[in-house]
C-alpha atoms as a PDB file:
ATOM      1  CA  MET A   1      19.618  69.552 -32.085  1.00  0.00           C
ATOM      2  CA  ASP A   2      18.769  67.001 -29.388  1.00  0.00           C
ATOM      3  CA  TRP A   3      21.818  64.927 -30.376  1.00  0.00           C
ATOM      4  CA  VAL A   4      24.047  67.972 -29.857  1.00  0.00           C
ATOM      5  CA  ILE A   5      22.471  68.593 -26.461  1.00  0.00           C
ATOM      6  CA  LEU A   6      22.888  64.916 -25.580  1.00  0.00           C
ATOM      7  CA  ILE A   7      26.588  64.857 -26.508  1.00  0.00           C
ATOM      8  CA  ALA A   8      27.192  68.140 -24.654  1.00  0.00           C
ATOM      9  CA  SER A   9      25.474  66.607 -21.633  1.00  0.00           C
ATOM     10  CA  GLY A  10      27.771  63.589 -21.916  1.00  0.00           C
ATOM     11  CA  VAL A  11      30.771  65.921 -21.929  1.00  0.00           C
ATOM     12  CA  LEU A  12      29.390  67.579 -18.802  1.00  0.00           C
ATOM     13  CA  GLU A  13      29.067  64.125 -17.238  1.00  0.00           C
ATOM     14  CA  ALA A  14      32.826  63.726 -17.657  1.00  0.00           C
ATOM     15  CA  VAL A  15      33.301  67.178 -16.092  1.00  0.00           C
ATOM     16  CA  TRP A  16      31.222  66.377 -13.035  1.00  0.00           C
ATOM     17  CA  ALA A  17      32.744  62.922 -12.604  1.00  0.00           C
ATOM     18  CA  THR A  18      36.242  64.402 -12.717  1.00  0.00           C
ATOM     19  CA  ALA A  19      35.268  67.220 -10.343  1.00  0.00           C
ATOM     20  CA  LEU A  20      33.696  64.722  -7.950  1.00  0.00           C
ATOM     21  CA  GLY A  21      36.909  62.731  -7.920  1.00  0.00           C
ATOM     22  CA  ARG A  22      38.909  65.864  -7.153  1.00  0.00           C
ATOM     23  CA  SER A  23      36.513  67.169  -4.497  1.00  0.00           C
ATOM     24  CA  ASN A  24      37.987  64.960  -1.741  1.00  0.00           C
ATOM     25  CA  GLY A  25      34.603  63.702  -0.625  1.00  0.00           C
ATOM     26  CA  LEU A  26      32.895  67.030  -1.376  1.00  0.00           C
ATOM     27  CA  ARG A  27      35.280  68.803   1.029  1.00  0.00           C
ATOM     28  CA  ARG A  28      37.050  71.045  -1.499  1.00  0.00           C
ATOM     29  CA  PRO A  29      34.817  74.004  -2.453  1.00  0.00           C
ATOM     30  CA  LEU A  30      35.804  74.637  -6.096  1.00  0.00           C
ATOM     31  CA  PRO A  31      35.635  71.038  -7.360  1.00  0.00           C
ATOM     32  CA  THR A  32      32.424  70.566  -5.363  1.00  0.00           C
ATOM     33  CA  ALA A  33      30.862  73.637  -6.999  1.00  0.00           C
ATOM     34  CA  VAL A  34      31.944  72.425 -10.459  1.00  0.00           C
ATOM     35  CA  PHE A  35      30.446  69.016  -9.645  1.00  0.00           C
ATOM     36  CA  VAL A  36      27.095  70.508  -8.604  1.00  0.00           C
ATOM     37  CA  VAL A  37      26.763  72.860 -11.576  1.00  0.00           C
ATOM     38  CA  ALA A  38      27.974  70.346 -14.180  1.00  0.00           C
ATOM     39  CA  SER A  39      25.760  67.564 -12.834  1.00  0.00           C
ATOM     40  CA  ILE A  40      22.654  69.770 -12.923  1.00  0.00           C
ATOM     41  CA  LEU A  41      23.429  70.918 -16.475  1.00  0.00           C
ATOM     42  CA  SER A  42      24.283  67.372 -17.574  1.00  0.00           C
ATOM     43  CA  LEU A  43      21.088  65.834 -16.237  1.00  0.00           C
ATOM     44  CA  GLY A  44      19.046  68.774 -17.504  1.00  0.00           C
ATOM     45  CA  GLY A  45      20.444  68.306 -20.997  1.00  0.00           C
ATOM     46  CA  LEU A  46      19.738  64.592 -20.844  1.00  0.00           C
ATOM     47  CA  GLY A  47      16.168  65.387 -19.849  1.00  0.00           C
ATOM     48  CA  ILE A  48      15.769  67.740 -22.803  1.00  0.00           C
ATOM     49  CA  ALA A  49      17.204  65.174 -25.213  1.00  0.00           C
ATOM     50  CA  LEU A  50      14.846  62.501 -23.864  1.00  0.00           C
ATOM     51  CA  GLN A  51      11.884  64.506 -25.114  1.00  0.00           C
ATOM     52  CA  THR A  52      12.582  63.299 -28.648  1.00  0.00           C
ATOM     53  CA  LEU A  53      15.194  60.529 -28.429  1.00  0.00           C
ATOM     54  CA  PRO A  54      14.553  56.960 -27.283  1.00  0.00           C
ATOM     55  CA  THR A  55      15.409  56.597 -23.589  1.00  0.00           C
ATOM     56  CA  GLY A  56      17.636  53.527 -23.910  1.00  0.00           C
ATOM     57  CA  THR A  57      19.660  54.924 -26.784  1.00  0.00           C
ATOM     58  CA  ALA A  58      20.005  58.394 -25.256  1.00  0.00           C
ATOM     59  CA  TYR A  59      21.043  57.026 -21.874  1.00  0.00           C
ATOM     60  CA  ALA A  60      23.591  54.680 -23.449  1.00  0.00           C
ATOM     61  CA  VAL A  61      25.081  57.505 -25.519  1.00  0.00           C
ATOM     62  CA  TRP A  62      25.137  59.895 -22.541  1.00  0.00           C
ATOM     63  CA  THR A  63      26.781  57.365 -20.251  1.00  0.00           C
ATOM     64  CA  ALA A  64      29.291  56.131 -22.821  1.00  0.00           C
ATOM     65  CA  THR A  65      30.267  59.671 -23.768  1.00  0.00           C
ATOM     66  CA  GLY A  66      30.825  60.677 -20.166  1.00  0.00           C
ATOM     67  CA  ALA A  67      32.617  57.494 -19.177  1.00  0.00           C
ATOM     68  CA  SER A  68      34.893  57.489 -22.217  1.00  0.00           C
ATOM     69  CA  LEU A  69      35.853  61.127 -21.833  1.00  0.00           C
ATOM     70  CA  THR A  70      36.443  60.671 -18.100  1.00  0.00           C
ATOM     71  CA  VAL A  71      38.899  57.843 -18.765  1.00  0.00           C
ATOM     72  CA  VAL A  72      40.590  59.710 -21.622  1.00  0.00           C
ATOM     73  CA  TRP A  73      41.006  62.812 -19.453  1.00  0.00           C
ATOM     74  CA  ALA A  74      42.403  60.723 -16.587  1.00  0.00           C
ATOM     75  CA  MET A  75      44.919  59.147 -18.950  1.00  0.00           C
ATOM     76  CA  LEU A  76      45.907  62.504 -20.484  1.00  0.00           C
ATOM     77  CA  THR A  77      46.434  64.070 -17.057  1.00  0.00           C
ATOM     78  CA  ARG A  78      48.297  60.950 -15.890  1.00  0.00           C
ATOM     79  CA  VAL A  79      45.875  60.291 -13.055  1.00  0.00           C
ATOM     80  CA  GLU A  80      45.311  56.875 -14.579  1.00  0.00           C
ATOM     81  CA  PRO A  81      47.856  54.904 -16.616  1.00  0.00           C
ATOM     82  CA  ALA A  82      47.226  54.628 -20.343  1.00  0.00           C
ATOM     83  CA  SER A  83      47.505  51.347 -22.178  1.00  0.00           C
ATOM     84  CA  VAL A  84      46.823  49.971 -25.624  1.00  0.00           C
ATOM     85  CA  LYS A  85      44.091  47.746 -24.176  1.00  0.00           C
ATOM     86  CA  LYS A  86      42.282  50.722 -22.632  1.00  0.00           C
ATOM     87  CA  VAL A  87      42.490  52.715 -25.845  1.00  0.00           C
ATOM     88  CA  LEU A  88      41.135  49.768 -27.865  1.00  0.00           C
ATOM     89  CA  LEU A  89      38.274  49.234 -25.422  1.00  0.00           C
ATOM     90  CA  LEU A  90      37.416  52.942 -25.453  1.00  0.00           C
ATOM     91  CA  THR A  91      37.460  52.839 -29.243  1.00  0.00           C
ATOM     92  CA  GLY A  92      34.963  49.986 -29.055  1.00  0.00           C
ATOM     93  CA  ILE A  93      32.672  51.991 -26.772  1.00  0.00           C
ATOM     94  CA  ILE A  94      32.834  54.980 -29.111  1.00  0.00           C
ATOM     95  CA  ALA A  95      32.127  52.766 -32.130  1.00  0.00           C
ATOM     96  CA  CYS A  96      29.064  51.358 -30.379  1.00  0.00           C
ATOM     97  CA  VAL A  97      27.792  54.864 -29.554  1.00  0.00           C
ATOM     98  CA  ILE A  98      28.194  55.885 -33.176  1.00  0.00           C
ATOM     99  CA  GLY A  99      26.317  52.724 -34.167  1.00  0.00           C
ATOM    100  CA  LEU A 100      23.450  53.617 -31.843  1.00  0.00           C
ATOM    101  CA  LYS A 101      23.298  57.101 -33.350  1.00  0.00           C
ATOM    102  CA  VAL A 102      23.231  55.661 -36.878  1.00  0.00           C
ATOM    103  CA  ILE A 103      20.367  53.247 -36.208  1.00  0.00           C
ATOM    104  CA  ALA A 104      18.337  55.541 -33.927  1.00  0.00           C
END
């Protein structure tokens, strides 16, 4: 169950990172509210997962999940240009996260 919470928290990291980027320096109310709520839930979930998972592995998985999804979302919404190199590098990050899950 802690792995599910950890991955969900990583997804929420992508949500808060995207909301932060759209908040215009925390000046737009809705993206700012999404940022605050998602960041609290994301860090709370990470804290729960850390009760049973190794800190280094959990943090790496949480960060990689959030970062990868943030980039993928930015490419899908055309905020950031997509490229084969980016997709290959993201695939590498995801493969490493899966590897950490397998050996943890």
